[in-house]
Structures are given as C-alpha cells and as structure tokens.
C-alpha cells in the first residue's frame, strides 16, 4: 500500500512542474518519471523497511524525493539546453 501512496504523492508534486519553464530532461514526461521514481526511492529509504502500514507520515515521506527528482531532471535538462553550462574538455 505504501508504494501506491508514494507514487500518488510523486504524481501530485509533479503537477507543480507546470509553474516552471519546460527545461526538464525528457520534457514533461521526463519530469513525471523523475518525480515518481524519486518519491518511491526516498519513500523506501525513509520507511526503513516498513512498507505495509500506510499513514500520513507515509505520504509526507515521498515529498522530498519527488522534489529532488524534479530538481535532478530540471538541472540535467538545463545543462543540456544551455551550452555555457556544459563542461567541455
């Protein structure tokens, strides 16, 4: 049940991506995937092995992961878009 809660919170946080310029790696679909995966991975890490009892805390555990996933997708996309931010050798 916790996986469903983490996934739904990741999707809920993903909806706020419309307020940012579309610089996500993979577009809005990439942002969706990063938010969903980030919410589930951090949710699992913060749950410390307890994945069968859903509560309000379960939903709150997913928020930092979804935000971090969106941030990673945004910064990867921003680096790919702006040649000044690329590291050249």
C-alpha atoms as a PDB file:
ATOM      1  CA  UNK A   1       0.000   0.000   0.000  1.00  0.00           C
ATOM      2  CA  UNK A   2       2.868   2.375   0.721  1.00  0.00           C
ATOM      3  CA  UNK A   3       4.122   2.118  -2.862  1.00  0.00           C
ATOM      4  CA  UNK A   4       0.760   3.411  -4.058  1.00  0.00           C
ATOM      5  CA  UNK A   5       0.874   6.303  -1.577  1.00  0.00           C
ATOM      6  CA  UNK A   6       4.438   7.238  -2.570  1.00  0.00           C
ATOM      7  CA  UNK A   7       3.540   7.036  -6.250  1.00  0.00           C
ATOM      8  CA  UNK A   8       0.447   9.197  -5.842  1.00  0.00           C
ATOM      9  CA  UNK A   9       2.413  11.799  -3.889  1.00  0.00           C
ATOM     10  CA  UNK A  10       5.066  11.832  -6.607  1.00  0.00           C
ATOM     11  CA  UNK A  11       2.374  12.451  -9.204  1.00  0.00           C
ATOM     12  CA  UNK A  12       0.799  15.159  -7.045  1.00  0.00           C
ATOM     13  CA  UNK A  13       4.111  17.005  -6.672  1.00  0.00           C
ATOM     14  CA  UNK A  14       4.766  16.561 -10.411  1.00  0.00           C
ATOM     15  CA  UNK A  15       1.700  18.663 -11.172  1.00  0.00           C
ATOM     16  CA  UNK A  16       3.543  21.706  -9.816  1.00  0.00           C
ATOM     17  CA  UNK A  17       6.083  21.369 -12.650  1.00  0.00           C
ATOM     18  CA  UNK A  18       3.762  23.438 -14.849  1.00  0.00           C
ATOM     19  CA  UNK A  19       4.852  26.524 -12.915  1.00  0.00           C
ATOM     20  CA  UNK A  20       8.464  26.132 -14.126  1.00  0.00           C
ATOM     21  CA  UNK A  21       9.876  26.670 -17.626  1.00  0.00           C
ATOM     22  CA  UNK A  22      10.000  23.451 -19.630  1.00  0.00           C
ATOM     23  CA  UNK A  23      13.676  22.641 -19.234  1.00  0.00           C
ATOM     24  CA  UNK A  24      13.170  19.168 -17.785  1.00  0.00           C
ATOM     25  CA  UNK A  25      15.224  16.389 -19.316  1.00  0.00           C
ATOM     26  CA  UNK A  26      12.744  14.459 -21.438  1.00  0.00           C
ATOM     27  CA  UNK A  27      10.141  17.205 -21.201  1.00  0.00           C
ATOM     28  CA  UNK A  28       7.104  16.829 -19.001  1.00  0.00           C
ATOM     29  CA  UNK A  29       7.222  13.031 -19.318  1.00  0.00           C
ATOM     30  CA  UNK A  30      10.804  13.021 -18.033  1.00  0.00           C
ATOM     31  CA  UNK A  31       9.712  15.184 -15.105  1.00  0.00           C
ATOM     32  CA  UNK A  32       6.907  12.701 -14.398  1.00  0.00           C
ATOM     33  CA  UNK A  33       9.281   9.748 -14.341  1.00  0.00           C
ATOM     34  CA  UNK A  34      11.866  11.521 -12.166  1.00  0.00           C
ATOM     35  CA  UNK A  35       9.214  12.687  -9.667  1.00  0.00           C
ATOM     36  CA  UNK A  36       7.655   9.230  -9.453  1.00  0.00           C
ATOM     37  CA  UNK A  37      10.942   7.351  -9.086  1.00  0.00           C
ATOM     38  CA  UNK A  38      12.338   9.911  -6.648  1.00  0.00           C
ATOM     39  CA  UNK A  39       9.248   9.697  -4.445  1.00  0.00           C
ATOM     40  CA  UNK A  40       9.327   5.901  -4.326  1.00  0.00           C
ATOM     41  CA  UNK A  41      13.099   5.589  -3.764  1.00  0.00           C
ATOM     42  CA  UNK A  42      13.236   8.167  -0.971  1.00  0.00           C
ATOM     43  CA  UNK A  43       9.992   6.798   0.485  1.00  0.00           C
ATOM     44  CA  UNK A  44      11.550   3.347   0.724  1.00  0.00           C
ATOM     45  CA  UNK A  45      14.711   4.788   2.264  1.00  0.00           C
ATOM     46  CA  UNK A  46      12.810   6.787   4.884  1.00  0.00           C
ATOM     47  CA  UNK A  47      10.384   3.976   5.700  1.00  0.00           C
ATOM     48  CA  UNK A  48      13.249   1.806   6.957  1.00  0.00           C
ATOM     49  CA  UNK A  49      11.714  -1.431   5.757  1.00  0.00           C
ATOM     50  CA  UNK A  50       8.109  -0.871   6.843  1.00  0.00           C
ATOM     51  CA  UNK A  51       6.117  -0.898   3.621  1.00  0.00           C
ATOM     52  CA  UNK A  52       2.810  -2.381   4.735  1.00  0.00           C
ATOM     53  CA  UNK A  53       1.196   0.238   7.000  1.00  0.00           C
ATOM     54  CA  UNK A  54       0.183   3.455   5.260  1.00  0.00           C
ATOM     55  CA  UNK A  55      -0.283   6.623   7.290  1.00  0.00           C
ATOM     56  CA  UNK A  56       0.038  10.375   6.904  1.00  0.00           C
ATOM     57  CA  UNK A  57       3.751  10.021   7.569  1.00  0.00           C
ATOM     58  CA  UNK A  58       3.967   7.692   4.563  1.00  0.00           C
ATOM     59  CA  UNK A  59       2.636  10.432   2.298  1.00  0.00           C
ATOM     60  CA  UNK A  60       4.982  13.027   3.764  1.00  0.00           C
ATOM     61  CA  UNK A  61       8.000  10.758   3.230  1.00  0.00           C
ATOM     62  CA  UNK A  62       7.554  10.992  -0.546  1.00  0.00           C
ATOM     63  CA  UNK A  63       7.652  14.785  -0.831  1.00  0.00           C
ATOM     64  CA  UNK A  64      11.444  15.277  -0.560  1.00  0.00           C
ATOM     65  CA  UNK A  65      12.057  12.517  -3.095  1.00  0.00           C
ATOM     66  CA  UNK A  66       9.629  13.934  -5.639  1.00  0.00           C
ATOM     67  CA  UNK A  67      11.104  17.417  -5.284  1.00  0.00           C
ATOM     68  CA  UNK A  68      14.637  16.037  -5.555  1.00  0.00           C
ATOM     69  CA  UNK A  69      13.667  14.032  -8.641  1.00  0.00           C
ATOM     70  CA  UNK A  70      12.194  17.107 -10.295  1.00  0.00           C
ATOM     71  CA  UNK A  71      15.295  19.119  -9.408  1.00  0.00           C
ATOM     72  CA  UNK A  72      17.612  16.498 -10.912  1.00  0.00           C
ATOM     73  CA  UNK A  73      15.555  16.346 -14.102  1.00  0.00           C
ATOM     74  CA  UNK A  74      15.474  20.133 -14.340  1.00  0.00           C
ATOM     75  CA  UNK A  75      19.212  20.619 -13.870  1.00  0.00           C
ATOM     76  CA  UNK A  76      20.103  17.845 -16.328  1.00  0.00           C
ATOM     77  CA  UNK A  77      17.771  19.391 -18.882  1.00  0.00           C
ATOM     78  CA  UNK A  78      19.099  22.869 -18.220  1.00  0.00           C
ATOM     79  CA  UNK A  79      22.698  21.701 -18.723  1.00  0.00           C
ATOM     80  CA  UNK A  80      21.818  20.021 -21.995  1.00  0.00           C
ATOM     81  CA  UNK A  81      19.985  23.104 -23.249  1.00  0.00           C
ATOM     82  CA  UNK A  82      22.473  25.842 -22.348  1.00  0.00           C
ATOM     83  CA  UNK A  83      25.925  25.350 -23.906  1.00  0.00           C
ATOM     84  CA  UNK A  84      27.503  27.751 -21.380  1.00  0.00           C
ATOM     85  CA  UNK A  85      26.733  25.288 -18.564  1.00  0.00           C
ATOM     86  CA  UNK A  86      28.324  22.281 -20.286  1.00  0.00           C
ATOM     87  CA  UNK A  87      31.703  21.070 -19.168  1.00  0.00           C
ATOM     88  CA  UNK A  88      33.947  20.905 -22.207  1.00  0.00           C
ATOM     89  CA  UNK A  89      37.317  19.228 -22.420  1.00  0.00           C
END
